Amino acid sequence: MLTLIFQGMIKGNLKPEYFGYALIVSVAFCVWAYVDHKFRQMGAERAKANLERMDE
């Protein structure tokens, strides 16, 4: 998204539609990364709990 802003500043013809698309895609990737991070944490905790149960 920063690249798009810099390109728009240099060329001076950044259309609002392109900025909107970039904003939507950036938010989608942020949500995806957050959800992925949380699910990986949950998976690691479950694996650790399973290993602890197996050790008993």
PDB file of N, CA and C in Angstrom:
ATOM      1  N   MET A   1       0.821  -1.181   0.000  1.00  0.00           N
ATOM      2  CA  MET A   1       0.000   0.000   0.000  1.00  0.00           C
ATOM      3  C   MET A   1       0.874   1.256   0.000  1.00  0.00           C
ATOM      4  N   LEU A   2       1.970   1.199   0.726  1.00  0.00           N
ATOM      5  CA  LEU A   2       2.886   2.347   0.715  1.00  0.00           C
ATOM      6  C   LEU A   2       3.449   2.585  -0.678  1.00  0.00           C
ATOM      7  N   THR A   3       3.722   1.499  -1.392  1.00  0.00           N
ATOM      8  CA  THR A   3       4.227   1.629  -2.757  1.00  0.00           C
ATOM      9  C   THR A   3       3.206   2.349  -3.623  1.00  0.00           C
ATOM     10  N   LEU A   4       1.945   2.003  -3.452  1.00  0.00           N
ATOM     11  CA  LEU A   4       0.881   2.653  -4.219  1.00  0.00           C
ATOM     12  C   LEU A   4       0.803   4.140  -3.885  1.00  0.00           C
ATOM     13  N   ILE A   5       0.942   4.485  -2.614  1.00  0.00           N
ATOM     14  CA  ILE A   5       0.905   5.900  -2.209  1.00  0.00           C
ATOM     15  C   ILE A   5       2.092   6.651  -2.797  1.00  0.00           C
ATOM     16  N   PHE A   6       3.297   6.058  -2.717  1.00  0.00           N
ATOM     17  CA  PHE A   6       4.478   6.717  -3.280  1.00  0.00           C
ATOM     18  C   PHE A   6       4.339   6.897  -4.786  1.00  0.00           C
ATOM     19  N   GLN A   7       3.827   5.884  -5.462  1.00  0.00           N
ATOM     20  CA  GLN A   7       3.640   5.994  -6.908  1.00  0.00           C
ATOM     21  C   GLN A   7       2.647   7.107  -7.228  1.00  0.00           C
ATOM     22  N   GLY A   8       1.574   7.179  -6.446  1.00  0.00           N
ATOM     23  CA  GLY A   8       0.595   8.242  -6.659  1.00  0.00           C
ATOM     24  C   GLY A   8       1.171   9.617  -6.402  1.00  0.00           C
ATOM     25  N   MET A   9       2.049   9.731  -5.405  1.00  0.00           N
ATOM     26  CA  MET A   9       2.674  11.022  -5.115  1.00  0.00           C
ATOM     27  C   MET A   9       3.636  11.419  -6.222  1.00  0.00           C
ATOM     28  N   ILE A  10       4.373  10.440  -6.758  1.00  0.00           N
ATOM     29  CA  ILE A  10       5.349  10.738  -7.806  1.00  0.00           C
ATOM     30  C   ILE A  10       4.638  11.107  -9.108  1.00  0.00           C
ATOM     31  N   LYS A  11       3.679  10.271  -9.510  1.00  0.00           N
ATOM     32  CA  LYS A  11       2.980  10.514 -10.772  1.00  0.00           C
ATOM     33  C   LYS A  11       1.864  11.536 -10.625  1.00  0.00           C
ATOM     34  N   GLY A  12       1.300  11.638  -9.420  1.00  0.00           N
ATOM     35  CA  GLY A  12       0.242  12.601  -9.187  1.00  0.00           C
ATOM     36  C   GLY A  12      -1.114  12.191  -9.722  1.00  0.00           C
ATOM     37  N   ASN A  13      -1.283  10.906 -10.040  1.00  0.00           N
ATOM     38  CA  ASN A  13      -2.569  10.486 -10.602  1.00  0.00           C
ATOM     39  C   ASN A  13      -3.126   9.258  -9.884  1.00  0.00           C
ATOM     40  N   LEU A  14      -3.021   9.238  -8.576  1.00  0.00           N
ATOM     41  CA  LEU A  14      -3.544   8.115  -7.798  1.00  0.00           C
ATOM     42  C   LEU A  14      -5.063   8.211  -7.748  1.00  0.00           C
ATOM     43  N   LYS A  15      -5.718   7.246  -8.354  1.00  0.00           N
ATOM     44  CA  LYS A  15      -7.179   7.241  -8.368  1.00  0.00           C
ATOM     45  C   LYS A  15      -7.688   6.727  -7.024  1.00  0.00           C
ATOM     46  N   PRO A  16      -8.753   7.308  -6.524  1.00  0.00           N
ATOM     47  CA  PRO A  16      -9.305   6.857  -5.237  1.00  0.00           C
ATOM     48  C   PRO A  16      -9.713   5.385  -5.253  1.00  0.00           C
ATOM     49  N   GLU A  17     -10.131   4.874  -6.421  1.00  0.00           N
ATOM     50  CA  GLU A  17     -10.521   3.464  -6.507  1.00  0.00           C
ATOM     51  C   GLU A  17      -9.338   2.557  -6.193  1.00  0.00           C
ATOM     52  N   TYR A  18      -8.174   2.889  -6.735  1.00  0.00           N
ATOM     53  CA  TYR A  18      -6.982   2.069  -6.497  1.00  0.00           C
ATOM     54  C   TYR A  18      -6.585   2.106  -5.028  1.00  0.00           C
ATOM     55  N   PHE A  19      -6.679   3.284  -4.431  1.00  0.00           N
ATOM     56  CA  PHE A  19      -6.361   3.398  -3.013  1.00  0.00           C
ATOM     57  C   PHE A  19      -7.349   2.581  -2.189  1.00  0.00           C
ATOM     58  N   GLY A  20      -8.616   2.624  -2.554  1.00  0.00           N
ATOM     59  CA  GLY A  20      -9.638   1.840  -1.856  1.00  0.00           C
ATOM     60  C   GLY A  20      -9.381   0.350  -1.975  1.00  0.00           C
ATOM     61  N   TYR A  21      -9.056  -0.110  -3.177  1.00  0.00           N
ATOM     62  CA  TYR A  21      -8.746  -1.526  -3.369  1.00  0.00           C
ATOM     63  C   TYR A  21      -7.536  -1.934  -2.532  1.00  0.00           C
ATOM     64  N   ALA A  22      -6.504  -1.096  -2.549  1.00  0.00           N
ATOM     65  CA  ALA A  22      -5.297  -1.403  -1.774  1.00  0.00           C
ATOM     66  C   ALA A  22      -5.610  -1.446  -0.283  1.00  0.00           C
ATOM     67  N   LEU A  23      -6.456  -0.554   0.181  1.00  0.00           N
ATOM     68  CA  LEU A  23      -6.830  -0.528   1.593  1.00  0.00           C
ATOM     69  C   LEU A  23      -7.598  -1.791   1.976  1.00  0.00           C
ATOM     70  N   ILE A  24      -8.548  -2.194   1.138  1.00  0.00           N
ATOM     71  CA  ILE A  24      -9.331  -3.401   1.408  1.00  0.00           C
ATOM     72  C   ILE A  24      -8.439  -4.633   1.428  1.00  0.00           C
ATOM     73  N   VAL A  25      -7.543  -4.748   0.458  1.00  0.00           N
ATOM     74  CA  VAL A  25      -6.644  -5.901   0.395  1.00  0.00           C
ATOM     75  C   VAL A  25      -5.696  -5.906   1.585  1.00  0.00           C
ATOM     76  N   SER A  26      -5.206  -4.745   1.974  1.00  0.00           N
ATOM     77  CA  SER A  26      -4.309  -4.666   3.130  1.00  0.00           C
ATOM     78  C   SER A  26      -5.015  -5.103   4.407  1.00  0.00           C
ATOM     79  N   VAL A  27      -6.241  -4.667   4.593  1.00  0.00           N
ATOM     80  CA  VAL A  27      -7.008  -5.067   5.775  1.00  0.00           C
ATOM     81  C   VAL A  27      -7.261  -6.569   5.747  1.00  0.00           C
ATOM     82  N   ALA A  28      -7.587  -7.099   4.564  1.00  0.00           N
ATOM     83  CA  ALA A  28      -7.829  -8.542   4.447  1.00  0.00           C
ATOM     84  C   ALA A  28      -6.585  -9.334   4.829  1.00  0.00           C
ATOM     85  N   PHE A  29      -5.421  -8.898   4.366  1.00  0.00           N
ATOM     86  CA  PHE A  29      -4.189  -9.604   4.713  1.00  0.00           C
ATOM     87  C   PHE A  29      -3.866  -9.474   6.200  1.00  0.00           C
ATOM     88  N   CYS A  30      -4.155  -8.333   6.797  1.00  0.00           N
ATOM     89  CA  CYS A  30      -3.929  -8.168   8.239  1.00  0.00           C
ATOM     90  C   CYS A  30      -4.820  -9.112   9.038  1.00  0.00           C
ATOM     91  N   VAL A  31      -6.085  -9.208   8.644  1.00  0.00           N
ATOM     92  CA  VAL A  31      -7.009 -10.120   9.329  1.00  0.00           C
ATOM     93  C   VAL A  31      -6.540 -11.554   9.157  1.00  0.00           C
ATOM     94  N   TRP A  32      -6.127 -11.906   7.947  1.00  0.00           N
ATOM     95  CA  TRP A  32      -5.646 -13.256   7.668  1.00  0.00           C
ATOM     96  C   TRP A  32      -4.427 -13.577   8.539  1.00  0.00           C
ATOM     97  N   ALA A  33      -3.476 -12.659   8.621  1.00  0.00           N
ATOM     98  CA  ALA A  33      -2.273 -12.881   9.424  1.00  0.00           C
ATOM     99  C   ALA A  33      -2.621 -13.029  10.903  1.00  0.00           C
ATOM    100  N   TYR A  34      -3.558 -12.218  11.400  1.00  0.00           N
ATOM    101  CA  TYR A  34      -3.968 -12.294  12.807  1.00  0.00           C
ATOM    102  C   TYR A  34      -4.624 -13.640  13.112  1.00  0.00           C
ATOM    103  N   VAL A  35      -5.555 -14.056  12.263  1.00  0.00           N
ATOM    104  CA  VAL A  35      -6.245 -15.332  12.473  1.00  0.00           C
ATOM    105  C   VAL A  35      -5.256 -16.487  12.379  1.00  0.00           C
ATOM    106  N   ASP A  36      -4.362 -16.445  11.402  1.00  0.00           N
ATOM    107  CA  ASP A  36      -3.353 -17.494  11.246  1.00  0.00           C
ATOM    108  C   ASP A  36      -2.471 -17.584  12.483  1.00  0.00           C
ATOM    109  N   HIS A  37      -2.057 -16.440  13.009  1.00  0.00           N
ATOM    110  CA  HIS A  37      -1.214 -16.409  14.206  1.00  0.00           C
ATOM    111  C   HIS A  37      -1.937 -17.030  15.399  1.00  0.00           C
ATOM    112  N   LYS A  38      -3.206 -16.679  15.577  1.00  0.00           N
ATOM    113  CA  LYS A  38      -3.978 -17.210  16.708  1.00  0.00           C
ATOM    114  C   LYS A  38      -4.175 -18.718  16.583  1.00  0.00           C
ATOM    115  N   PHE A  39      -4.486 -19.198  15.375  1.00  0.00           N
ATOM    116  CA  PHE A  39      -4.694 -20.631  15.199  1.00  0.00           C
ATOM    117  C   PHE A  39      -3.396 -21.409  15.378  1.00  0.00           C
ATOM    118  N   ARG A  40      -2.273 -20.831  14.967  1.00  0.00           N
ATOM    119  CA  ARG A  40      -0.985 -21.502  15.185  1.00  0.00           C
ATOM    120  C   ARG A  40      -0.676 -21.587  16.677  1.00  0.00           C
ATOM    121  N   GLN A  41      -1.000 -20.523  17.428  1.00  0.00           N
ATOM    122  CA  GLN A  41      -0.803 -20.553  18.880  1.00  0.00           C
ATOM    123  C   GLN A  41      -1.661 -21.632  19.510  1.00  0.00           C
ATOM    124  N   MET A  42      -2.921 -21.715  19.092  1.00  0.00           N
ATOM    125  CA  MET A  42      -3.823 -22.725  19.645  1.00  0.00           C
ATOM    126  C   MET A  42      -3.329 -24.125  19.308  1.00  0.00           C
ATOM    127  N   GLY A  43      -2.833 -24.317  18.096  1.00  0.00           N
ATOM    128  CA  GLY A  43      -2.320 -25.622  17.696  1.00  0.00           C
ATOM    129  C   GLY A  43      -1.104 -26.016  18.510  1.00  0.00           C
ATOM    130  N   ALA A  44      -0.227 -25.060  18.783  1.00  0.00           N
ATOM    131  CA  ALA A  44       0.963 -25.345  19.580  1.00  0.00           C
ATOM    132  C   ALA A  44       0.579 -25.692  21.015  1.00  0.00           C
ATOM    133  N   GLU A  45      -0.413 -24.974  21.556  1.00  0.00           N
ATOM    134  CA  GLU A  45      -0.860 -25.266  22.928  1.00  0.00           C
ATOM    135  C   GLU A  45      -1.501 -26.649  23.004  1.00  0.00           C
ATOM    136  N   ARG A  46      -2.278 -27.009  21.995  1.00  0.00           N
ATOM    137  CA  ARG A  46      -2.903 -28.337  21.982  1.00  0.00           C
ATOM    138  C   ARG A  46      -1.855 -29.435  21.865  1.00  0.00           C
ATOM    139  N   ALA A  47      -0.857 -29.216  21.007  1.00  0.00           N
ATOM    140  CA  ALA A  47       0.201 -30.212  20.851  1.00  0.00           C
ATOM    141  C   ALA A  47       0.968 -30.379  22.156  1.00  0.00           C
ATOM    142  N   LYS A  48       1.237 -29.267  22.835  1.00  0.00           N
ATOM    143  CA  LYS A  48       1.944 -29.332  24.110  1.00  0.00           C
ATOM    144  C   LYS A  48       1.109 -30.075  25.150  1.00  0.00           C
ATOM    145  N   ALA A  49      -0.189 -29.806  25.190  1.00  0.00           N
ATOM    146  CA  ALA A  49      -1.073 -30.485  26.138  1.00  0.00           C
ATOM    147  C   ALA A  49      -1.133 -31.980  25.840  1.00  0.00           C
ATOM    148  N   ASN A  50      -1.168 -32.342  24.570  1.00  0.00           N
ATOM    149  CA  ASN A  50      -1.191 -33.759  24.202  1.00  0.00           C
ATOM    150  C   ASN A  50       0.098 -34.455  24.617  1.00  0.00           C
ATOM    151  N   LEU A  51       1.225 -33.784  24.449  1.00  0.00           N
ATOM    152  CA  LEU A  51       2.501 -34.375  24.856  1.00  0.00           C
ATOM    153  C   LEU A  51       2.557 -34.555  26.368  1.00  0.00           C
ATOM    154  N   GLU A  52       2.030 -33.575  27.104  1.00  0.00           N
ATOM    155  CA  GLU A  52       2.027 -33.682  28.565  1.00  0.00           C
ATOM    156  C   GLU A  52       1.136 -34.826  29.023  1.00  0.00           C
ATOM    157  N   ARG A  53       0.004 -35.031  28.351  1.00  0.00           N
ATOM    158  CA  ARG A  53      -0.876 -36.147  28.705  1.00  0.00           C
ATOM    159  C   ARG A  53      -0.215 -37.483  28.393  1.00  0.00           C
ATOM    160  N   MET A  54       0.550 -37.535  27.315  1.00  0.00           N
ATOM    161  CA  MET A  54       1.215 -38.783  26.942  1.00  0.00           C
ATOM    162  C   MET A  54       2.323 -39.129  27.935  1.00  0.00           C
ATOM    163  N   ASP A  55       2.935 -38.102  28.527  1.00  0.00           N
ATOM    164  CA  ASP A  55       4.014 -38.332  29.488  1.00  0.00           C
ATOM    165  C   ASP A  55       3.498 -38.888  30.808  1.00  0.00           C
ATOM    166  N   GLU A  56       2.224 -38.693  31.108  1.00  0.00           N
ATOM    167  CA  GLU A  56       1.683 -39.147  32.397  1.00  0.00           C
ATOM    168  C   GLU A  56       1.509 -40.624  32.454  1.00  0.00           C
TER     169      GLU A  56
END
